[in-house]
Amino acid sequence: MELVAPALNHQAAFTRFYDDFAQFDPDNADYYRPGKDDFPTYVTRLTDESLGKNLRKGYVSCSHFWLLDAEQQIIGAIRIRHHINTPFLSQEAGHIGYDIAPSYRGRGCGKQMLALALPKARELGITRALITANEDNMASRKVIEANGGMLENIIDGEVFNESLARYWVDING
């Protein structure tokens, strides 16, 4: 498996990734809907976000990566925010957010994807990464813990309106 930056040559794989969400996890499919509707514009937006260009209000520079399997299928997406200097990011969203396509969950893909992303976060100058998960999402919490995440606390999210487990990962060690 490998992490790649979003690129136009992955449109068919992205469509399958989106369709997997639409069929098996429709609550989270909306996040990826813009890529289904207008893939070139979506890829441009993600690329711009990684460069800190044309950021939408309230957004920060954020590098996006897709996890590809041996068949070049997108089985996961991960986002690394370059900094978390807003109240929402520093409390609820953190540095890193990720999703595994529903059909690939429970196979260790999330653990591997986060492990591949941590060196990329280090390249961005992040030495300690805040990663959050819904308190009841034990699969995601295990992904974070398997990558060195140390639980700081559990908070009631204001934006997400969920109980969130907040972890810190020491990227340097």
Protein backbone atom coordinates (compact mmCIF):
# COMPACT_ATOMS: atom_id res chain seq x y z
CA MET A 1 0.00 0.00 0.00
CA GLU A 2 1.10 3.55 -0.66
CA LEU A 3 -0.04 7.11 -0.05
CA VAL A 4 -0.36 9.36 -3.08
CA ALA A 5 -1.42 12.94 -3.56
CA PRO A 6 -4.77 13.34 -5.34
CA ALA A 7 -4.34 13.28 -9.10
CA LEU A 8 -6.60 13.22 -12.14
CA ASN A 9 -5.44 9.75 -13.19
CA HIS A 10 -7.26 8.28 -10.17
CA GLN A 11 -10.77 9.33 -11.20
CA ALA A 12 -12.12 5.82 -11.76
CA ALA A 13 -10.67 4.64 -8.44
CA PHE A 14 -12.13 7.68 -6.68
CA THR A 15 -15.56 6.96 -8.16
CA ARG A 16 -15.41 3.42 -6.72
CA PHE A 17 -14.24 4.85 -3.37
CA TYR A 18 -17.16 7.30 -3.31
CA ASP A 19 -19.67 4.64 -4.40
CA ASP A 20 -18.50 2.39 -1.55
CA PHE A 21 -19.31 5.20 0.90
CA ALA A 22 -22.62 6.00 -0.79
CA GLN A 23 -23.72 2.37 -0.52
CA PHE A 24 -22.35 1.36 2.89
CA ASP A 25 -21.76 4.60 4.83
CA PRO A 26 -24.06 7.24 3.35
CA ASP A 27 -23.71 9.53 6.38
CA ASN A 28 -20.06 10.10 5.48
CA ALA A 29 -20.42 9.96 1.69
CA ASP A 30 -21.38 13.64 1.48
CA TYR A 31 -17.84 14.65 2.43
CA TYR A 32 -16.59 13.07 -0.82
CA ARG A 33 -19.55 14.08 -3.00
CA PRO A 34 -17.74 17.07 -4.59
CA GLY A 35 -15.22 14.61 -6.07
CA LYS A 36 -17.99 12.57 -7.61
CA ASP A 37 -19.73 15.66 -9.02
CA ASP A 38 -16.70 17.44 -10.52
CA PHE A 39 -13.50 15.45 -10.12
CA PRO A 40 -11.07 17.91 -11.80
CA THR A 41 -12.27 20.80 -9.64
CA TYR A 42 -12.11 18.60 -6.54
CA VAL A 43 -8.51 17.55 -7.24
CA THR A 44 -7.57 21.18 -7.84
CA ARG A 45 -9.16 22.18 -4.53
CA LEU A 46 -7.28 19.48 -2.61
CA THR A 47 -4.01 20.41 -4.31
CA ASP A 48 -4.58 24.10 -3.56
CA GLU A 49 -5.31 23.31 0.10
CA SER A 50 -1.98 21.50 0.37
CA LEU A 51 -0.27 24.65 -0.96
CA GLY A 52 -2.30 27.02 1.21
CA LYS A 53 -3.93 28.56 -1.87
CA ASN A 54 -7.57 29.56 -2.36
CA LEU A 55 -8.49 28.36 1.12
CA ARG A 56 -12.15 28.41 2.02
CA LYS A 57 -13.13 30.54 5.01
CA GLY A 58 -12.11 28.82 8.23
CA TYR A 59 -9.77 26.35 6.50
CA VAL A 60 -6.02 26.00 6.99
CA SER A 61 -3.35 24.52 4.75
CA CYS A 62 -4.00 20.79 4.58
CA SER A 63 -2.21 18.02 2.68
CA HIS A 64 -4.46 15.30 1.29
CA PHE A 65 -3.43 11.76 0.45
CA TRP A 66 -5.16 8.67 -0.86
CA LEU A 67 -4.22 5.16 0.23
CA LEU A 68 -3.84 2.91 -2.78
CA ASP A 69 -3.76 -0.86 -2.66
CA ALA A 70 -1.75 -3.10 -5.01
CA GLU A 71 -4.48 -2.79 -7.67
CA GLN A 72 -4.30 1.04 -7.48
CA GLN A 73 -7.72 1.26 -5.85
CA ILE A 74 -8.33 4.08 -3.36
CA ILE A 75 -9.17 2.40 -0.09
CA GLY A 76 -8.60 5.34 2.23
CA ALA A 77 -8.17 9.10 2.47
CA ILE A 78 -6.14 11.01 5.02
CA ARG A 79 -5.77 14.72 5.68
CA ILE A 80 -2.90 16.41 7.49
CA ARG A 81 -3.60 19.95 8.63
CA HIS A 82 -0.37 21.93 8.68
CA HIS A 83 -1.35 23.69 11.91
CA ILE A 84 -4.28 23.71 14.31
CA ASN A 85 -4.38 27.35 15.34
CA THR A 86 -8.14 27.75 15.56
CA PRO A 87 -10.32 26.74 18.54
CA PHE A 88 -12.17 24.11 16.49
CA LEU A 89 -8.99 22.50 15.13
CA SER A 90 -7.11 22.62 18.43
CA GLN A 91 -10.00 21.07 20.34
CA GLU A 92 -12.04 18.88 18.01
CA ALA A 93 -10.53 18.19 14.59
CA GLY A 94 -6.79 17.99 15.27
CA HIS A 95 -3.94 17.66 12.81
CA ILE A 96 -4.99 14.44 11.11
CA GLY A 97 -8.32 13.09 9.92
CA TYR A 98 -8.91 9.95 7.91
CA ASP A 99 -11.44 7.54 6.45
CA ILE A 100 -11.23 3.98 5.21
CA ALA A 101 -13.70 2.88 2.55
CA PRO A 102 -16.40 0.80 4.24
CA SER A 103 -15.58 -2.39 2.30
CA TYR A 104 -11.97 -2.29 3.57
CA ARG A 105 -12.61 -1.63 7.25
CA GLY A 106 -11.42 -4.12 9.85
CA ARG A 107 -8.38 -5.21 7.81
CA GLY A 108 -5.68 -3.02 9.35
CA CYS A 109 -5.74 -0.48 6.50
CA GLY A 110 -6.35 2.48 8.80
CA LYS A 111 -3.42 1.52 11.00
CA GLN A 112 -1.15 1.25 7.97
CA MET A 113 -2.45 4.48 6.43
CA LEU A 114 -1.78 6.49 9.59
CA ALA A 115 1.69 4.94 9.90
CA LEU A 116 2.45 6.07 6.33
CA ALA A 117 1.10 9.57 7.04
CA LEU A 118 3.13 10.30 10.17
CA PRO A 119 6.45 10.81 8.27
CA LYS A 120 4.61 13.19 5.95
CA ALA A 121 3.43 15.16 8.99
CA ARG A 122 7.03 15.26 10.22
CA GLU A 123 8.08 16.69 6.83
CA LEU A 124 5.55 19.48 7.42
CA GLY A 125 7.27 20.34 10.71
CA ILE A 126 4.70 18.72 12.99
CA THR A 127 6.40 17.09 15.96
CA ARG A 128 3.31 16.24 17.99
CA ALA A 129 0.04 15.53 16.22
CA LEU A 130 -3.40 15.83 17.73
CA ILE A 131 -5.74 13.15 16.41
CA THR A 132 -9.32 12.80 17.57
CA ALA A 133 -11.96 10.11 17.25
CA ASN A 134 -15.51 9.77 18.44
CA GLU A 135 -15.32 8.27 21.92
CA ASP A 136 -17.40 5.27 20.83
CA ASN A 137 -15.42 4.63 17.61
CA MET A 138 -13.19 1.94 19.05
CA ALA A 139 -11.79 0.96 15.64
CA SER A 140 -10.46 4.47 15.03
CA ARG A 141 -9.16 4.74 18.58
CA LYS A 142 -7.24 1.48 18.11
CA VAL A 143 -5.71 2.86 14.89
CA ILE A 144 -4.47 5.91 16.78
CA GLU A 145 -3.21 3.89 19.75
CA ALA A 146 -1.39 1.43 17.46
CA ASN A 147 0.51 4.41 16.08
CA GLY A 148 1.63 5.68 19.47
CA GLY A 149 -1.38 7.81 20.36
CA MET A 150 -1.59 8.75 24.02
CA LEU A 151 -5.06 9.67 25.25
CA GLU A 152 -5.12 13.19 26.68
CA ASN A 153 -8.81 13.49 27.48
CA ILE A 154 -12.38 13.04 26.33
CA ILE A 155 -14.37 16.19 25.61
CA ASP A 156 -17.85 17.07 24.49
CA GLY A 157 -17.45 18.50 21.01
CA GLU A 158 -19.21 21.77 20.27
CA VAL A 159 -19.14 21.55 16.47
CA PHE A 160 -19.30 17.77 16.11
CA ASN A 161 -21.75 17.47 19.04
CA GLU A 162 -20.15 14.14 20.01
CA SER A 163 -17.91 12.95 22.81
CA LEU A 164 -14.40 13.03 21.36
CA ALA A 165 -11.30 11.16 22.47
CA ARG A 166 -8.25 13.42 22.00
CA TYR A 167 -4.89 11.73 21.41
CA TRP A 168 -1.39 13.08 20.94
CA VAL A 169 1.15 11.22 18.81
CA ASP A 170 4.83 12.06 19.26
CA ILE A 171 5.93 11.95 15.65
CA ASN A 172 9.64 12.03 16.45
CA GLY A 173 9.67 9.00 18.57
